[in-house]
Amino acid sequence: MKVLIQNPLTLSYFEDDHKWTIDPEHALDFKDSRSAARFCSEHNLLDMEIVLKFPQERFDVHMPAWAAAPTGQARPETVTHTFAA
């Protein structure tokens, strides 16, 4: 199993500094999903997906990076509203 970061709009995978690839074999393979989530959080990539990629694609698991990020990280599209009393 590989742990990858994928752009859900382009379906490309993170390769290295500012490089993306459509080939999962060339993508950066993280040690575990926690490391991938931490990387997304630290590099402002919370709108990406973390993919657990298996040899048989039908077993792949996709999760939003914001959902796996360390606590205290907000969802990218979250808007804070202030209401008057």
C-alpha atoms as a PDB file:
ATOM      1  CA  MET A   1       0.000   0.000   0.000  1.00  0.00           C
ATOM      2  CA  LYS A   2       1.116   3.548  -0.785  1.00  0.00           C
ATOM      3  CA  VAL A   3       0.050   6.722   1.001  1.00  0.00           C
ATOM      4  CA  LEU A   4      -0.260   9.555  -1.517  1.00  0.00           C
ATOM      5  CA  ILE A   5      -1.602  13.100  -1.777  1.00  0.00           C
ATOM      6  CA  GLN A   6      -3.958  13.675  -4.691  1.00  0.00           C
ATOM      7  CA  ASN A   7      -5.506  16.791  -6.165  1.00  0.00           C
ATOM      8  CA  PRO A   8      -9.210  15.855  -6.427  1.00  0.00           C
ATOM      9  CA  LEU A   9      -9.785  18.295  -9.316  1.00  0.00           C
ATOM     10  CA  THR A  10      -6.928  17.235 -11.603  1.00  0.00           C
ATOM     11  CA  LEU A  11      -6.504  13.694 -10.197  1.00  0.00           C
ATOM     12  CA  SER A  12      -2.735  14.249 -10.189  1.00  0.00           C
ATOM     13  CA  TYR A  13      -0.515  13.109  -7.316  1.00  0.00           C
ATOM     14  CA  PHE A  14       2.054  15.123  -5.373  1.00  0.00           C
ATOM     15  CA  GLU A  15       5.566  14.242  -6.549  1.00  0.00           C
ATOM     16  CA  ASP A  16       7.832  16.804  -4.873  1.00  0.00           C
ATOM     17  CA  ASP A  17       8.282  20.567  -4.529  1.00  0.00           C
ATOM     18  CA  HIS A  18       5.588  22.075  -6.752  1.00  0.00           C
ATOM     19  CA  LYS A  19       5.553  19.012  -9.036  1.00  0.00           C
ATOM     20  CA  TRP A  20       2.526  16.825  -9.659  1.00  0.00           C
ATOM     21  CA  THR A  21       2.220  13.642 -11.702  1.00  0.00           C
ATOM     22  CA  ILE A  22      -0.626  11.582 -13.109  1.00  0.00           C
ATOM     23  CA  ASP A  23       1.387   8.409 -12.455  1.00  0.00           C
ATOM     24  CA  PRO A  24       0.992   7.139  -8.873  1.00  0.00           C
ATOM     25  CA  GLU A  25       4.258   5.208  -9.291  1.00  0.00           C
ATOM     26  CA  HIS A  26       6.157   8.529  -9.468  1.00  0.00           C
ATOM     27  CA  ALA A  27       4.275  10.145  -6.564  1.00  0.00           C
ATOM     28  CA  LEU A  28       5.808  10.759  -3.170  1.00  0.00           C
ATOM     29  CA  ASP A  29       4.917   7.813  -0.908  1.00  0.00           C
ATOM     30  CA  PHE A  30       4.441   8.895   2.712  1.00  0.00           C
ATOM     31  CA  LYS A  31       5.281   6.633   5.641  1.00  0.00           C
ATOM     32  CA  ASP A  32       1.676   6.705   6.880  1.00  0.00           C
ATOM     33  CA  SER A  33      -1.518   8.743   6.613  1.00  0.00           C
ATOM     34  CA  ARG A  34      -0.602  10.822   9.664  1.00  0.00           C
ATOM     35  CA  SER A  35       2.605  11.981   7.931  1.00  0.00           C
ATOM     36  CA  ALA A  36       0.651  12.842   4.771  1.00  0.00           C
ATOM     37  CA  ALA A  37      -1.939  14.784   6.789  1.00  0.00           C
ATOM     38  CA  ARG A  38       0.776  16.678   8.650  1.00  0.00           C
ATOM     39  CA  PHE A  39       2.480  17.526   5.321  1.00  0.00           C
ATOM     40  CA  CYS A  40      -0.815  18.831   3.899  1.00  0.00           C
ATOM     41  CA  SER A  41      -1.383  20.930   7.003  1.00  0.00           C
ATOM     42  CA  GLU A  42       2.132  22.394   6.950  1.00  0.00           C
ATOM     43  CA  HIS A  43       2.042  23.162   3.206  1.00  0.00           C
ATOM     44  CA  ASN A  44      -1.481  24.599   2.927  1.00  0.00           C
ATOM     45  CA  LEU A  45      -2.784  21.570   1.024  1.00  0.00           C
ATOM     46  CA  LEU A  46      -5.849  20.852   3.155  1.00  0.00           C
ATOM     47  CA  ASP A  47      -8.053  20.944   0.048  1.00  0.00           C
ATOM     48  CA  MET A  48      -6.273  17.845  -1.302  1.00  0.00           C
ATOM     49  CA  GLU A  49      -7.046  14.181  -0.634  1.00  0.00           C
ATOM     50  CA  ILE A  50      -4.954  11.555   1.082  1.00  0.00           C
ATOM     51  CA  VAL A  51      -5.145   8.311  -0.856  1.00  0.00           C
ATOM     52  CA  LEU A  52      -4.347   4.863   0.474  1.00  0.00           C
ATOM     53  CA  LYS A  53      -3.407   3.250  -2.834  1.00  0.00           C
ATOM     54  CA  PHE A  54      -3.516  -0.524  -3.131  1.00  0.00           C
ATOM     55  CA  PRO A  55      -2.301  -2.759  -5.978  1.00  0.00           C
ATOM     56  CA  GLN A  56      -5.948  -3.312  -6.921  1.00  0.00           C
ATOM     57  CA  GLU A  57      -7.498   0.119  -7.477  1.00  0.00           C
ATOM     58  CA  ARG A  58     -10.931  -0.978  -6.270  1.00  0.00           C
ATOM     59  CA  PHE A  59      -9.542  -1.100  -2.711  1.00  0.00           C
ATOM     60  CA  ASP A  60      -8.185   2.478  -2.758  1.00  0.00           C
ATOM     61  CA  VAL A  61      -9.343   4.742   0.068  1.00  0.00           C
ATOM     62  CA  HIS A  62      -9.720   8.525  -0.430  1.00  0.00           C
ATOM     63  CA  MET A  63     -10.094  10.947   2.474  1.00  0.00           C
ATOM     64  CA  PRO A  64     -10.061  14.733   2.546  1.00  0.00           C
ATOM     65  CA  ALA A  65      -6.786  16.011   3.983  1.00  0.00           C
ATOM     66  CA  TRP A  66      -8.621  18.507   6.212  1.00  0.00           C
ATOM     67  CA  ALA A  67     -10.443  15.617   7.920  1.00  0.00           C
ATOM     68  CA  ALA A  68      -7.186  13.818   8.717  1.00  0.00           C
ATOM     69  CA  ALA A  69      -5.224  16.938   9.702  1.00  0.00           C
ATOM     70  CA  PRO A  70      -4.055  17.479  13.276  1.00  0.00           C
ATOM     71  CA  THR A  71      -6.717  18.943  15.541  1.00  0.00           C
ATOM     72  CA  GLY A  72      -7.126  22.676  15.365  1.00  0.00           C
ATOM     73  CA  GLN A  73      -6.929  22.763  11.577  1.00  0.00           C
ATOM     74  CA  ALA A  74     -10.051  24.145   9.957  1.00  0.00           C
ATOM     75  CA  ARG A  75     -11.791  22.876   6.877  1.00  0.00           C
ATOM     76  CA  PRO A  76     -10.576  24.983   3.913  1.00  0.00           C
ATOM     77  CA  GLU A  77     -14.008  26.325   3.013  1.00  0.00           C
ATOM     78  CA  THR A  78     -15.024  27.005   6.615  1.00  0.00           C
ATOM     79  CA  VAL A  79     -16.236  30.555   7.189  1.00  0.00           C
ATOM     80  CA  THR A  80     -16.543  32.044  10.643  1.00  0.00           C
ATOM     81  CA  HIS A  81     -19.690  34.098  11.202  1.00  0.00           C
ATOM     82  CA  THR A  82     -20.228  36.645  13.945  1.00  0.00           C
ATOM     83  CA  PHE A  83     -23.820  37.219  14.970  1.00  0.00           C
ATOM     84  CA  ALA A  84     -25.023  40.301  16.832  1.00  0.00           C
ATOM     85  CA  ALA A  85     -26.945  39.616  20.028  1.00  0.00           C
END
